[in-house]
Amino acid sequence: MTTPLARSGARILVDQLLALGADLGFCVPGESYLPVLDALYDARDHFRLITCRNEGGAAFMAEAAGKLTGRPGLCFVTRGPGACNAAIGVHTAQQDSTPMLLFIGQVGRAFRGREAFQEVDYRQMYAPLAKWVTELDSAARIPEILGRAWHVATSGRPGPVVIALPEDVLAETASVADAVPLALAAPPLAESELAALCERLAAAERPMLIVGGSNWSAAGRAALHAFAEGWQLPVAAGFRRQDIFDNRRAQYAGELGTSVAPTLARRVREADLLLVLGSRLGEMTTNGYTLVEAPLPRQTLIHVHPDALELNRVYRPALALATHPAQAAVQLAARPAPAALRWAEWTAAARAEHEANRQPDPMAGALDLGEVMRVLDAALPADAIVCNGAGNYTGWPQRFHCFSHYPSQLAPTSGAMGYGVPAAIAAAAVHPTRIAVAFAGDGCFQMNGQELASAVQAGLKPLILVIDNGQYGTIRMHQERHFPDRRIATALCNPDFAALARACGAFGERIECTGAFAPALERALDCDRAALLHLIVDPEQISTRQTLTALRAATR
């Protein structure tokens, strides 16, 4: 056996990433990991490194890339302040079950424990936010650590892994073989488990299928469609997981989350059986654990999740089955439905209610976002990737966009603001032939809008729609509901976002009325560069369903 050539720790690290299949990363450069940057220079023909303006934006981009590819999204940041900024992306990856690797520069081993310049104990800092946190202790162990990190990030319930890189380990040399990628295990359900599931389902009168989770395969999604159609099951998507099930299909009943239709919420409560594939049934999907009560739901609960530790954590299901939901879908699609289904009218009614929910109400102001969504859906190809952060404005894409392709939705189940713009940039990098559209509120955009300059520098072409109502709309809504007529801290005095986009080298246009949107959208899609449309909307329209006037009236 030939002894591998001696390499620096930094070179070994980069070689492991290439061996494991990585080809894209996001960074804010720092002196604490300069040797890694130098090793990436030599790998520049095989690995694209996108320079960002803030570590929070870089971490969001890595998380979004992980969502799109199913492989760990990669982020490189410097120690101390850089690590603190990047924490928001790690938190999002953890709550969204997204594979991600965050590499953080670290002080040399001889300086550890002295509170050296920008020193942080990352095991303590990131323990509640990450799936695993580790620190390199020798160059020779880097292939072992990287192989394990990749596997931890992608196996079971996927999530983020944080790896600290001491400066002297990056400079140290070692002769060591490269890591070998490991296949992920997806154990099938036993025949007895499948039989018990199908027996309970066949006995139901008002069943509901809830889909969620991450890393669905094409085969698993096709099987999900076949199973839902064969058994004529109404399908609800978990919070911000709408792209898992083709929204055009007759079984799709809508999304459970902040934009849930009251009719769908009622149907979940009235269901006598819930078959949950992949979703954790978190707070947002269950409307504060009211649609599905914890720990003992009113409905018969069959819970399928890839992580056995997640099963029985919050709920006590009638059946708890540990496997990836895509694997379960493949097996379920092969099981014939009963000859007579009792719930055909139930499913048809759920679909009809979803269609009615997609009809927008009249909107206050000169710019009608319901019409904006209609024009946008007609103009975008089916595989467009739609991104958003957090805020009431997200109700428009969540309620009115038709998600038919997978993956095509990038939205943080963590509820993180500032996510949409970095996510669209990552989408443009991962899938340069697809259109990436970011929705951002005026408050949301200003948390990571500087990354528009990163997109222009990298030659990426996302389309960004800034929905500007001059306020932190969600918090204003809650203020009016709980403390009427006592508004404080929610008003925003905003810049000209279109001019800001042009200053970055992107296309920028301001839109103040409904009729101006369609031609502006056409110009933005034809400009062949990053584009921003600044949409001025009336602050009176506080959500897709309510005005401030109606909200105040309801509190009196």
Protein backbone atom coordinates (compact mmCIF):
# COMPACT_ATOMS: atom_id res chain seq x y z
CA MET A 1 0.00 0.00 0.00
CA THR A 2 1.42 3.38 -1.01
CA THR A 3 1.92 5.88 1.81
CA PRO A 4 -0.01 9.09 1.05
CA LEU A 5 2.05 12.22 0.54
CA ALA A 6 2.36 14.58 3.47
CA ARG A 7 -0.12 17.47 3.28
CA SER A 8 -1.03 20.40 5.46
CA GLY A 9 -4.12 20.14 7.60
CA ALA A 10 -5.81 22.79 5.45
CA ARG A 11 -5.07 20.84 2.27
CA ILE A 12 -6.29 17.62 3.86
CA LEU A 13 -9.53 19.35 4.87
CA VAL A 14 -10.21 20.65 1.37
CA ASP A 15 -9.32 17.29 -0.18
CA GLN A 16 -11.83 15.57 2.10
CA LEU A 17 -14.59 17.94 1.04
CA LEU A 18 -13.85 17.20 -2.61
CA ALA A 19 -13.73 13.46 -1.93
CA LEU A 20 -17.09 13.62 -0.18
CA GLY A 21 -18.71 15.36 -3.16
CA ALA A 22 -18.65 19.05 -2.20
CA ASP A 23 -18.35 21.64 -4.96
CA LEU A 24 -19.80 24.86 -3.47
CA GLY A 25 -19.29 26.90 -0.32
CA PHE A 26 -20.01 30.33 1.13
CA CYS A 27 -17.70 32.44 3.25
CA VAL A 28 -16.67 35.67 4.83
CA PRO A 29 -12.86 35.48 4.75
CA GLY A 30 -10.87 35.67 8.00
CA GLU A 31 -7.23 35.41 9.01
CA SER A 32 -8.01 32.56 11.41
CA TYR A 33 -8.49 30.13 8.52
CA LEU A 34 -6.21 31.63 5.84
CA PRO A 35 -4.58 28.24 5.08
CA VAL A 36 -8.01 26.84 4.13
CA LEU A 37 -8.59 29.74 1.77
CA ASP A 38 -5.19 29.08 0.22
CA ALA A 39 -6.02 25.39 -0.25
CA LEU A 40 -9.34 26.37 -1.83
CA TYR A 41 -7.43 28.52 -4.30
CA ASP A 42 -5.76 25.37 -5.63
CA ALA A 43 -9.18 23.67 -5.83
CA ARG A 44 -10.90 26.58 -7.59
CA ASP A 45 -11.52 24.58 -10.78
CA HIS A 46 -13.53 22.03 -8.78
CA PHE A 47 -14.95 24.06 -5.90
CA ARG A 48 -16.79 27.38 -6.14
CA LEU A 49 -16.40 29.69 -3.15
CA ILE A 50 -18.85 32.62 -2.95
CA THR A 51 -17.77 35.63 -0.91
CA CYS A 52 -20.50 37.14 1.27
CA ARG A 53 -20.88 40.40 3.17
CA ASN A 54 -21.94 39.01 6.54
CA GLU A 55 -21.53 35.62 8.17
CA GLY A 56 -25.27 35.45 8.84
CA GLY A 57 -25.93 35.75 5.11
CA ALA A 58 -23.23 33.18 4.33
CA ALA A 59 -24.72 30.71 6.82
CA PHE A 60 -28.20 31.20 5.39
CA MET A 61 -26.83 30.52 1.91
CA ALA A 62 -25.18 27.32 3.11
CA GLU A 63 -28.40 26.20 4.79
CA ALA A 64 -30.40 26.90 1.62
CA ALA A 65 -27.88 24.96 -0.47
CA GLY A 66 -28.26 22.02 1.91
CA LYS A 67 -32.04 22.12 1.47
CA LEU A 68 -31.72 22.08 -2.31
CA THR A 69 -29.09 19.37 -2.69
CA GLY A 70 -29.57 17.05 0.27
CA ARG A 71 -25.81 17.34 0.82
CA PRO A 72 -24.35 19.46 3.62
CA GLY A 73 -24.26 23.14 2.74
CA LEU A 74 -20.81 24.53 3.52
CA CYS A 75 -19.96 27.78 5.30
CA PHE A 76 -16.55 29.13 6.35
CA VAL A 77 -16.26 31.93 8.91
CA THR A 78 -13.64 33.40 11.19
CA ARG A 79 -13.55 32.92 14.94
CA GLY A 80 -15.34 34.98 17.59
CA PRO A 81 -17.46 37.66 15.88
CA GLY A 82 -17.75 35.62 12.69
CA ALA A 83 -18.94 32.58 14.62
CA CYS A 84 -21.50 34.67 16.50
CA ASN A 85 -22.90 36.11 13.27
CA ALA A 86 -23.17 32.66 11.70
CA ALA A 87 -25.19 31.22 14.58
CA ILE A 88 -28.51 32.22 12.98
CA GLY A 89 -27.87 29.94 10.01
CA VAL A 90 -26.98 27.04 12.30
CA HIS A 91 -30.16 27.55 14.31
CA THR A 92 -32.18 27.55 11.10
CA ALA A 93 -30.49 24.37 9.87
CA GLN A 94 -31.28 22.67 13.17
CA GLN A 95 -34.97 23.62 13.23
CA ASP A 96 -35.37 22.95 9.49
CA SER A 97 -33.56 19.57 9.60
CA THR A 98 -31.07 20.72 6.97
CA PRO A 99 -27.62 19.15 6.48
CA MET A 100 -24.92 21.79 6.95
CA LEU A 101 -21.25 22.07 7.92
CA LEU A 102 -19.99 25.28 9.52
CA PHE A 103 -16.19 25.67 9.66
CA ILE A 104 -14.90 28.22 12.17
CA GLY A 105 -11.33 29.41 12.56
CA GLN A 106 -9.94 28.89 16.05
CA VAL A 107 -6.92 30.00 18.08
CA GLY A 108 -3.94 27.65 18.13
CA ARG A 109 -3.95 24.77 20.58
CA ALA A 110 -1.23 26.35 22.72
CA PHE A 111 -3.44 29.41 23.32
CA ARG A 112 -6.63 27.55 24.25
CA GLY A 113 -8.20 28.43 27.59
CA ARG A 114 -6.52 31.85 27.94
CA GLU A 115 -9.33 33.86 26.34
CA ALA A 116 -6.96 34.59 23.49
CA PHE A 117 -7.99 37.04 20.79
CA GLN A 118 -11.54 36.15 19.67
CA GLU A 119 -11.37 32.79 21.42
CA VAL A 120 -14.70 31.01 22.06
CA ASP A 121 -15.39 27.50 23.29
CA TYR A 122 -17.58 26.40 20.36
CA ARG A 123 -18.66 23.16 22.01
CA GLN A 124 -20.38 25.21 24.69
CA MET A 125 -21.56 27.98 22.38
CA TYR A 126 -23.16 25.74 19.77
CA ALA A 127 -24.22 22.76 21.92
CA PRO A 128 -27.96 23.63 21.91
CA LEU A 129 -27.97 24.76 18.25
CA ALA A 130 -26.12 22.02 16.37
CA LYS A 131 -26.40 18.28 15.92
CA TRP A 132 -22.69 17.86 16.69
CA VAL A 133 -19.89 20.29 17.59
CA THR A 134 -16.25 19.30 17.41
CA GLU A 135 -12.74 20.74 17.12
CA LEU A 136 -9.83 19.36 15.13
CA ASP A 137 -7.03 18.16 17.38
CA SER A 138 -4.58 16.90 14.75
CA ALA A 139 -4.12 17.01 10.99
CA ALA A 140 -3.99 13.20 10.85
CA ARG A 141 -7.56 12.88 12.14
CA ILE A 142 -9.15 15.31 9.68
CA PRO A 143 -10.41 12.58 7.26
CA GLU A 144 -11.97 10.72 10.17
CA ILE A 145 -13.64 13.85 11.56
CA LEU A 146 -14.85 15.09 8.15
CA GLY A 147 -16.28 11.69 7.23
CA ARG A 148 -18.14 11.50 10.52
CA ALA A 149 -19.36 15.10 10.26
CA TRP A 150 -20.75 14.51 6.76
CA HIS A 151 -22.55 11.39 7.94
CA VAL A 152 -23.96 13.04 11.08
CA ALA A 153 -25.23 16.01 9.07
CA THR A 154 -27.09 13.85 6.55
CA SER A 155 -28.28 10.81 8.53
CA GLY A 156 -31.42 10.33 10.62
CA ARG A 157 -32.92 13.76 11.13
CA PRO A 158 -30.43 15.89 9.13
CA GLY A 159 -28.87 18.91 10.79
CA PRO A 160 -25.85 21.18 11.22
CA VAL A 161 -22.38 20.17 12.35
CA VAL A 162 -19.91 22.79 13.61
CA ILE A 163 -16.16 22.18 13.22
CA ALA A 164 -13.57 24.46 14.82
CA LEU A 165 -10.24 24.74 13.00
CA PRO A 166 -7.24 25.61 15.25
CA GLU A 167 -4.71 27.60 13.26
CA ASP A 168 -1.79 25.32 14.10
CA VAL A 169 -3.72 22.20 13.06
CA LEU A 170 -4.30 23.77 9.64
CA ALA A 171 -0.54 24.32 9.31
CA GLU A 172 0.46 20.91 10.66
CA THR A 173 1.36 18.21 8.11
CA ALA A 174 0.34 14.56 8.04
CA SER A 175 0.35 11.56 5.70
CA VAL A 176 -3.15 10.14 5.78
CA ALA A 177 -5.63 8.55 3.36
CA ASP A 178 -8.74 10.43 2.25
CA ALA A 179 -12.22 9.81 3.63
CA VAL A 180 -14.56 7.44 1.83
CA PRO A 181 -18.23 8.49 1.40
CA LEU A 182 -20.67 6.28 3.28
CA ALA A 183 -24.09 5.25 2.03
CA LEU A 184 -27.00 6.36 4.21
CA ALA A 185 -29.15 3.63 5.69
CA ALA A 186 -32.90 3.84 5.04
CA PRO A 187 -34.36 0.77 6.74
CA PRO A 188 -37.68 -0.31 5.23
CA LEU A 189 -40.76 -0.77 7.35
CA ALA A 190 -41.41 -4.35 8.39
CA GLU A 191 -44.36 -6.13 6.80
CA SER A 192 -46.12 -6.17 10.16
CA GLU A 193 -45.71 -2.40 10.48
CA LEU A 194 -47.05 -1.78 6.99
CA ALA A 195 -50.00 -4.08 7.63
CA ALA A 196 -50.85 -2.33 10.90
CA LEU A 197 -50.63 1.09 9.22
CA CYS A 198 -52.86 0.13 6.31
CA GLU A 199 -55.37 -1.62 8.58
CA ARG A 200 -55.80 1.50 10.73
CA LEU A 201 -56.00 3.72 7.66
CA ALA A 202 -58.61 1.54 5.97
CA ALA A 203 -60.77 1.73 9.10
CA ALA A 204 -60.76 5.54 9.15
CA GLU A 205 -63.64 7.73 7.98
CA ARG A 206 -61.96 11.14 7.90
CA PRO A 207 -58.21 10.59 7.35
CA MET A 208 -55.64 13.28 6.65
CA LEU A 209 -52.10 12.79 5.31
CA ILE A 210 -49.60 15.40 6.57
CA VAL A 211 -46.23 15.56 4.82
CA GLY A 212 -43.05 17.30 5.93
CA GLY A 213 -39.40 16.80 6.73
CA SER A 214 -36.40 17.24 4.48
CA ASN A 215 -34.37 15.43 1.81
CA TRP A 216 -37.22 13.84 -0.12
CA SER A 217 -36.03 11.87 -3.14
CA ALA A 218 -37.62 12.02 -6.58
CA ALA A 219 -38.67 8.38 -6.24
CA GLY A 220 -40.12 9.00 -2.80
CA ARG A 221 -42.12 12.00 -3.99
CA ALA A 222 -43.47 10.09 -7.00
CA ALA A 223 -44.49 7.27 -4.68
CA LEU A 224 -46.15 9.78 -2.34
CA HIS A 225 -48.24 11.06 -5.25
CA ALA A 226 -49.19 7.53 -6.25
CA PHE A 227 -50.12 6.53 -2.70
CA ALA A 228 -52.23 9.64 -2.08
CA GLU A 229 -54.02 9.23 -5.41
CA GLY A 230 -54.57 5.50 -5.03
CA TRP A 231 -56.01 5.87 -1.53
CA GLN A 232 -57.68 9.23 -2.37
CA LEU A 233 -56.25 10.86 0.74
CA PRO A 234 -56.41 14.60 1.39
CA VAL A 235 -52.84 15.89 1.80
CA ALA A 236 -51.74 18.84 3.93
CA ALA A 237 -48.16 20.15 3.86
CA GLY A 238 -46.37 20.95 7.09
CA PHE A 239 -45.17 24.50 7.75
CA ARG A 240 -43.13 25.69 4.74
CA ARG A 241 -42.98 22.22 3.19
CA GLN A 242 -45.48 22.91 0.42
CA ASP A 243 -43.21 21.71 -2.38
CA ILE A 244 -43.16 18.11 -1.15
CA PHE A 245 -46.57 17.44 -2.71
CA ASP A 246 -47.57 18.83 -6.10
CA ASN A 247 -50.11 21.55 -5.28
CA ARG A 248 -51.89 20.99 -8.62
CA ARG A 249 -53.03 17.51 -7.66
CA ALA A 250 -56.62 16.90 -6.65
CA GLN A 251 -55.57 15.53 -3.25
CA TYR A 252 -53.69 18.64 -2.12
CA ALA A 253 -55.59 20.47 0.63
CA GLY A 254 -53.19 23.25 1.61
CA GLU A 255 -50.49 24.26 4.08
CA LEU A 256 -50.46 24.05 7.85
CA GLY A 257 -48.65 27.05 9.27
CA THR A 258 -48.95 30.79 9.71
CA SER A 259 -51.13 31.07 6.58
CA VAL A 260 -53.35 28.07 7.28
CA ALA A 261 -56.88 28.37 5.94
CA PRO A 262 -59.48 28.21 8.72
CA THR A 263 -61.26 25.50 6.74
CA LEU A 264 -58.14 23.31 6.66
CA ALA A 265 -57.52 23.87 10.37
CA ARG A 266 -61.06 22.70 11.05
CA ARG A 267 -60.58 19.56 8.93
CA VAL A 268 -57.41 18.60 10.81
CA ARG A 269 -59.30 18.94 14.10
CA GLU A 270 -62.19 16.88 12.73
CA ALA A 271 -60.02 14.15 11.21
CA ASP A 272 -60.22 10.78 12.92
CA LEU A 273 -56.79 9.65 11.68
CA LEU A 274 -53.59 11.55 10.87
CA LEU A 275 -50.89 9.80 8.87
CA VAL A 276 -47.82 12.01 9.32
CA LEU A 277 -44.88 11.38 6.97
CA GLY A 278 -41.71 13.25 7.95
CA SER A 279 -43.13 16.20 9.87
CA ARG A 280 -42.15 16.70 13.50
CA LEU A 281 -45.58 18.26 14.09
CA GLY A 282 -43.96 21.36 15.53
CA GLU A 283 -45.63 24.41 17.02
CA MET A 284 -46.29 26.18 13.72
CA THR A 285 -47.66 23.14 11.89
CA THR A 286 -50.04 22.40 14.75
CA ASN A 287 -51.06 26.02 15.46
CA GLY A 288 -49.55 26.01 18.92
CA TYR A 289 -50.27 22.30 19.50
CA THR A 290 -54.01 22.95 19.19
CA LEU A 291 -54.75 21.21 15.87
CA VAL A 292 -52.94 18.12 17.14
CA GLU A 293 -52.94 18.15 20.93
CA ALA A 294 -49.92 16.97 22.91
CA PRO A 295 -49.19 14.47 24.22
CA LEU A 296 -52.38 12.53 23.38
CA PRO A 297 -54.09 13.72 20.19
CA ARG A 298 -57.82 13.33 19.70
CA GLN A 299 -57.08 11.82 16.29
CA THR A 300 -55.48 8.42 15.80
CA LEU A 301 -51.86 9.38 15.04
CA ILE A 302 -49.54 7.34 12.84
CA HIS A 303 -46.14 9.05 12.93
CA VAL A 304 -43.35 8.18 10.47
CA HIS A 305 -40.04 9.97 11.04
CA PRO A 306 -36.40 9.13 10.15
CA ASP A 307 -35.14 9.75 13.70
CA ALA A 308 -36.35 7.31 16.34
CA LEU A 309 -35.51 9.88 19.04
CA GLU A 310 -38.09 12.26 17.53
CA LEU A 311 -40.87 9.68 17.78
CA ASN A 312 -42.70 9.83 21.14
CA ARG A 313 -40.78 12.98 22.01
CA VAL A 314 -43.87 15.23 22.04
CA TYR A 315 -46.73 12.95 20.97
CA ARG A 316 -47.80 9.44 21.89
CA PRO A 317 -48.85 8.01 18.51
CA ALA A 318 -50.86 4.87 17.97
CA LEU A 319 -48.05 3.79 15.63
CA ALA A 320 -44.51 5.20 15.73
CA LEU A 321 -42.45 4.11 12.72
CA ALA A 322 -38.77 4.98 12.29
CA THR A 323 -37.78 5.32 8.65
CA HIS A 324 -37.38 8.06 6.09
CA PRO A 325 -40.81 9.20 4.85
CA ALA A 326 -39.71 8.71 1.23
CA GLN A 327 -38.95 5.06 2.01
CA ALA A 328 -42.34 4.68 3.66
CA ALA A 329 -44.04 6.30 0.67
CA VAL A 330 -42.41 3.83 -1.73
CA GLN A 331 -43.69 0.92 0.33
CA LEU A 332 -47.15 2.41 0.80
CA ALA A 333 -47.54 3.09 -2.92
CA ALA A 334 -47.25 -0.64 -3.52
CA ARG A 335 -50.17 -1.40 -1.19
CA PRO A 336 -53.56 -1.46 -2.94
CA ALA A 337 -56.32 0.70 -1.50
CA PRO A 338 -59.52 -0.92 -0.23
CA ALA A 339 -62.17 -1.53 -2.87
CA ALA A 340 -64.54 0.95 -1.24
CA LEU A 341 -63.23 4.18 0.27
CA ARG A 342 -65.49 5.99 2.71
CA TRP A 343 -63.78 9.35 2.50
CA ALA A 344 -64.03 10.36 -1.18
CA GLU A 345 -66.40 13.25 -0.43
CA TRP A 346 -64.20 14.32 2.50
CA THR A 347 -61.17 14.58 0.20
CA ALA A 348 -63.06 16.38 -2.56
CA ALA A 349 -64.43 18.92 -0.08
CA ALA A 350 -60.95 19.58 1.34
CA ARG A 351 -59.68 20.27 -2.17
CA ALA A 352 -62.59 22.57 -2.97
CA GLU A 353 -61.88 24.55 0.21
CA HIS A 354 -58.23 24.87 -0.80
CA GLU A 355 -59.21 26.22 -4.20
CA ALA A 356 -61.53 28.75 -2.55
CA ASN A 357 -58.74 29.80 -0.19
CA ARG A 358 -56.52 30.65 -3.17
CA GLN A 359 -58.98 33.35 -4.26
CA PRO A 360 -57.69 36.63 -2.77
CA ASP A 361 -59.92 39.03 -0.90
CA PRO A 362 -60.13 42.68 -1.97
CA MET A 363 -57.01 44.54 -0.87
CA ALA A 364 -56.53 48.02 0.51
CA GLY A 365 -54.34 50.39 -1.45
CA ALA A 366 -53.26 50.97 -5.04
CA LEU A 367 -51.08 47.85 -5.34
CA ASP A 368 -53.02 44.59 -5.07
CA LEU A 369 -50.72 41.75 -3.98
CA GLY A 370 -53.34 39.17 -4.92
CA GLU A 371 -53.08 40.31 -8.52
CA VAL A 372 -49.29 40.46 -8.18
CA MET A 373 -49.28 36.78 -7.20
CA ARG A 374 -51.56 35.87 -10.12
CA VAL A 375 -49.28 37.64 -12.62
CA LEU A 376 -46.17 36.17 -11.04
CA ASP A 377 -47.48 32.59 -11.06
CA ALA A 378 -48.43 32.94 -14.72
CA ALA A 379 -44.96 34.27 -15.62
CA LEU A 380 -42.77 31.88 -13.63
CA PRO A 381 -41.81 28.41 -14.88
CA ALA A 382 -42.98 25.46 -12.80
CA ASP A 383 -39.48 24.82 -11.45
CA ALA A 384 -38.94 28.37 -10.16
CA ILE A 385 -37.45 28.39 -6.66
CA VAL A 386 -39.47 30.63 -4.34
CA CYS A 387 -37.76 31.94 -1.21
CA ASN A 388 -38.84 34.03 1.74
CA GLY A 389 -37.84 34.97 5.25
CA ALA A 390 -40.32 35.76 8.02
CA GLY A 391 -43.15 38.24 8.41
CA ASN A 392 -46.77 38.75 7.43
CA TYR A 393 -45.73 39.31 3.81
CA THR A 394 -44.87 35.60 3.58
CA GLY A 395 -48.59 34.87 3.59
CA TRP A 396 -48.78 35.93 -0.06
CA PRO A 397 -46.43 33.28 -1.51
CA GLN A 398 -47.51 30.69 1.05
CA ARG A 399 -51.21 31.12 0.33
CA PHE A 400 -51.23 31.94 -3.38
CA HIS A 401 -48.16 30.42 -5.06
CA CYS A 402 -48.66 26.98 -6.58
CA PHE A 403 -45.66 24.78 -5.69
CA SER A 404 -45.46 21.94 -8.17
CA HIS A 405 -41.74 21.11 -8.40
CA TYR A 406 -39.41 19.71 -5.73
CA PRO A 407 -37.34 21.27 -4.34
CA SER A 408 -38.75 24.72 -5.04
CA GLN A 409 -39.51 26.25 -1.63
CA LEU A 410 -36.80 27.80 0.53
CA ALA A 411 -38.30 29.23 3.69
CA PRO A 412 -37.14 28.96 7.30
CA THR A 413 -39.32 26.93 9.63
CA SER A 414 -37.24 28.62 12.33
CA GLY A 415 -39.03 31.88 11.48
CA ALA A 416 -35.75 33.70 10.81
CA MET A 417 -35.96 37.13 9.20
CA GLY A 418 -33.39 38.02 6.55
CA TYR A 419 -33.42 34.54 4.98
CA GLY A 420 -35.06 35.14 1.60
CA VAL A 421 -32.32 37.11 -0.18
CA PRO A 422 -29.42 34.79 0.82
CA ALA A 423 -31.56 31.74 0.02
CA ALA A 424 -32.30 33.03 -3.49
CA ILE A 425 -28.59 33.70 -4.04
CA ALA A 426 -27.77 30.14 -2.99
CA ALA A 427 -30.53 28.82 -5.25
CA ALA A 428 -29.09 30.75 -8.20
CA ALA A 429 -25.67 29.25 -7.46
CA VAL A 430 -26.93 25.66 -7.09
CA HIS A 431 -29.36 25.83 -10.03
CA PRO A 432 -28.18 28.56 -12.42
CA THR A 433 -30.68 27.54 -15.13
CA ARG A 434 -33.70 27.98 -12.82
CA ILE A 435 -35.30 31.23 -11.71
CA ALA A 436 -34.82 32.04 -8.03
CA VAL A 437 -37.32 34.50 -6.56
CA ALA A 438 -37.00 36.02 -3.10
CA PHE A 439 -39.91 37.63 -1.29
CA ALA A 440 -38.73 40.02 1.42
CA GLY A 441 -40.55 42.48 3.62
CA ASP A 442 -38.99 45.90 4.07
CA GLY A 443 -37.77 44.91 7.54
CA CYS A 444 -36.71 41.43 6.40
CA PHE A 445 -34.75 42.75 3.41
CA GLN A 446 -32.69 45.14 5.51
CA MET A 447 -31.33 42.31 7.64
CA ASN A 448 -29.39 40.78 4.73
CA GLY A 449 -30.04 43.04 1.75
CA GLN A 450 -26.32 43.77 1.54
CA GLU A 451 -25.92 40.28 0.05
CA LEU A 452 -27.36 41.65 -3.18
CA ALA A 453 -23.84 42.95 -3.77
CA SER A 454 -22.58 39.38 -3.26
CA ALA A 455 -24.97 38.15 -5.95
CA VAL A 456 -23.81 40.78 -8.43
CA GLN A 457 -20.14 40.04 -7.73
CA ALA A 458 -20.73 36.30 -8.24
CA GLY A 459 -22.68 36.86 -11.46
CA LEU A 460 -25.85 35.37 -9.97
CA LYS A 461 -29.30 36.54 -11.06
CA PRO A 462 -31.98 36.19 -8.39
CA LEU A 463 -35.20 38.20 -8.59
CA ILE A 464 -36.06 39.97 -5.33
CA LEU A 465 -39.50 41.36 -4.53
CA VAL A 466 -39.37 43.79 -1.60
CA ILE A 467 -42.86 44.25 -0.13
CA ASP A 468 -42.68 47.60 1.61
CA ASN A 469 -45.42 48.67 4.02
CA GLY A 470 -43.18 50.87 6.14
CA GLN A 471 -43.36 48.72 9.26
CA TYR A 472 -42.52 45.48 10.99
CA GLY A 473 -45.95 44.23 9.99
CA THR A 474 -46.23 41.06 12.06
CA ILE A 475 -45.31 42.82 15.29
CA ARG A 476 -47.61 45.72 14.43
CA MET A 477 -50.43 43.21 13.99
CA HIS A 478 -49.74 41.69 17.41
CA GLN A 479 -49.52 45.15 18.98
CA GLU A 480 -52.91 46.12 17.59
CA ARG A 481 -54.39 42.84 18.78
CA HIS A 482 -52.98 42.89 22.32
CA PHE A 483 -52.25 46.58 22.98
CA PRO A 484 -54.53 48.57 20.65
CA ASP A 485 -53.63 52.20 19.94
CA ARG A 486 -50.23 51.82 21.67
CA ARG A 487 -47.90 51.41 18.69
CA ILE A 488 -44.19 51.64 19.41
CA ALA A 489 -40.97 50.47 17.69
CA THR A 490 -42.67 49.02 14.61
CA ALA A 491 -42.58 51.95 12.13
CA LEU A 492 -39.78 51.98 9.54
CA CYS A 493 -38.36 54.86 7.52
CA ASN A 494 -37.02 53.03 4.50
CA PRO A 495 -34.50 53.83 1.77
CA ASP A 496 -35.27 53.65 -1.92
CA PHE A 497 -34.65 49.93 -2.38
CA ALA A 498 -34.72 50.13 -6.18
CA ALA A 499 -31.98 52.80 -6.12
CA LEU A 500 -30.02 50.67 -3.67
CA ALA A 501 -30.24 47.73 -6.09
CA ARG A 502 -29.00 49.88 -8.96
CA ALA A 503 -26.12 51.10 -6.80
CA CYS A 504 -25.11 47.44 -6.36
CA GLY A 505 -25.17 46.87 -10.12
CA ALA A 506 -28.55 45.11 -10.19
CA PHE A 507 -31.74 46.04 -11.99
CA GLY A 508 -34.07 48.06 -9.76
CA GLU A 509 -37.57 49.43 -10.24
CA ARG A 510 -40.19 50.94 -7.91
CA ILE A 511 -43.84 49.88 -8.30
CA GLU A 512 -46.74 51.73 -6.69
CA CYS A 513 -49.85 50.46 -8.52
CA THR A 514 -51.15 47.12 -9.73
CA GLY A 515 -50.99 47.90 -13.44
CA ALA A 516 -47.28 48.70 -13.25
CA PHE A 517 -46.29 45.28 -11.94
CA ALA A 518 -46.63 43.06 -15.04
CA PRO A 519 -44.45 45.20 -17.35
CA ALA A 520 -41.90 45.74 -14.58
CA LEU A 521 -41.75 41.99 -13.94
CA GLU A 522 -41.15 41.38 -17.64
CA ARG A 523 -38.26 43.88 -17.64
CA ALA A 524 -36.78 42.31 -14.53
CA LEU A 525 -36.93 38.78 -15.96
CA ASP A 526 -35.37 39.96 -19.22
CA CYS A 527 -32.53 42.04 -17.73
CA ASP A 528 -30.04 39.13 -17.47
CA ARG A 529 -28.75 40.18 -14.06
CA ALA A 530 -29.87 40.29 -10.46
CA ALA A 531 -33.07 42.31 -10.17
CA LEU A 532 -35.11 43.96 -7.44
CA LEU A 533 -38.70 45.17 -7.63
CA HIS A 534 -39.68 47.56 -4.84
CA LEU A 535 -43.42 47.10 -4.19
CA ILE A 536 -45.10 49.89 -2.20
CA VAL A 537 -48.13 48.51 -0.40
CA ASP A 538 -50.68 50.11 1.92
CA PRO A 539 -49.86 49.47 5.62
CA GLU A 540 -53.62 49.16 6.20
CA GLN A 541 -53.47 45.65 4.63
CA ILE A 542 -51.79 43.95 7.57
CA SER A 543 -52.15 40.35 6.25
CA THR A 544 -53.71 38.40 3.41
CA ARG A 545 -56.95 38.15 5.39
CA GLN A 546 -57.20 41.29 7.50
CA THR A 547 -56.84 45.08 7.57
CA LEU A 548 -55.71 47.15 10.51
CA THR A 549 -59.16 48.72 10.73
CA ALA A 550 -60.84 45.32 10.99
CA LEU A 551 -58.24 44.16 13.49
CA ARG A 552 -58.83 47.18 15.75
CA ALA A 553 -62.58 46.71 15.49
CA ALA A 554 -62.24 43.09 16.59
CA THR A 555 -60.31 44.09 19.74
CA ARG A 556 -62.92 46.57 20.91
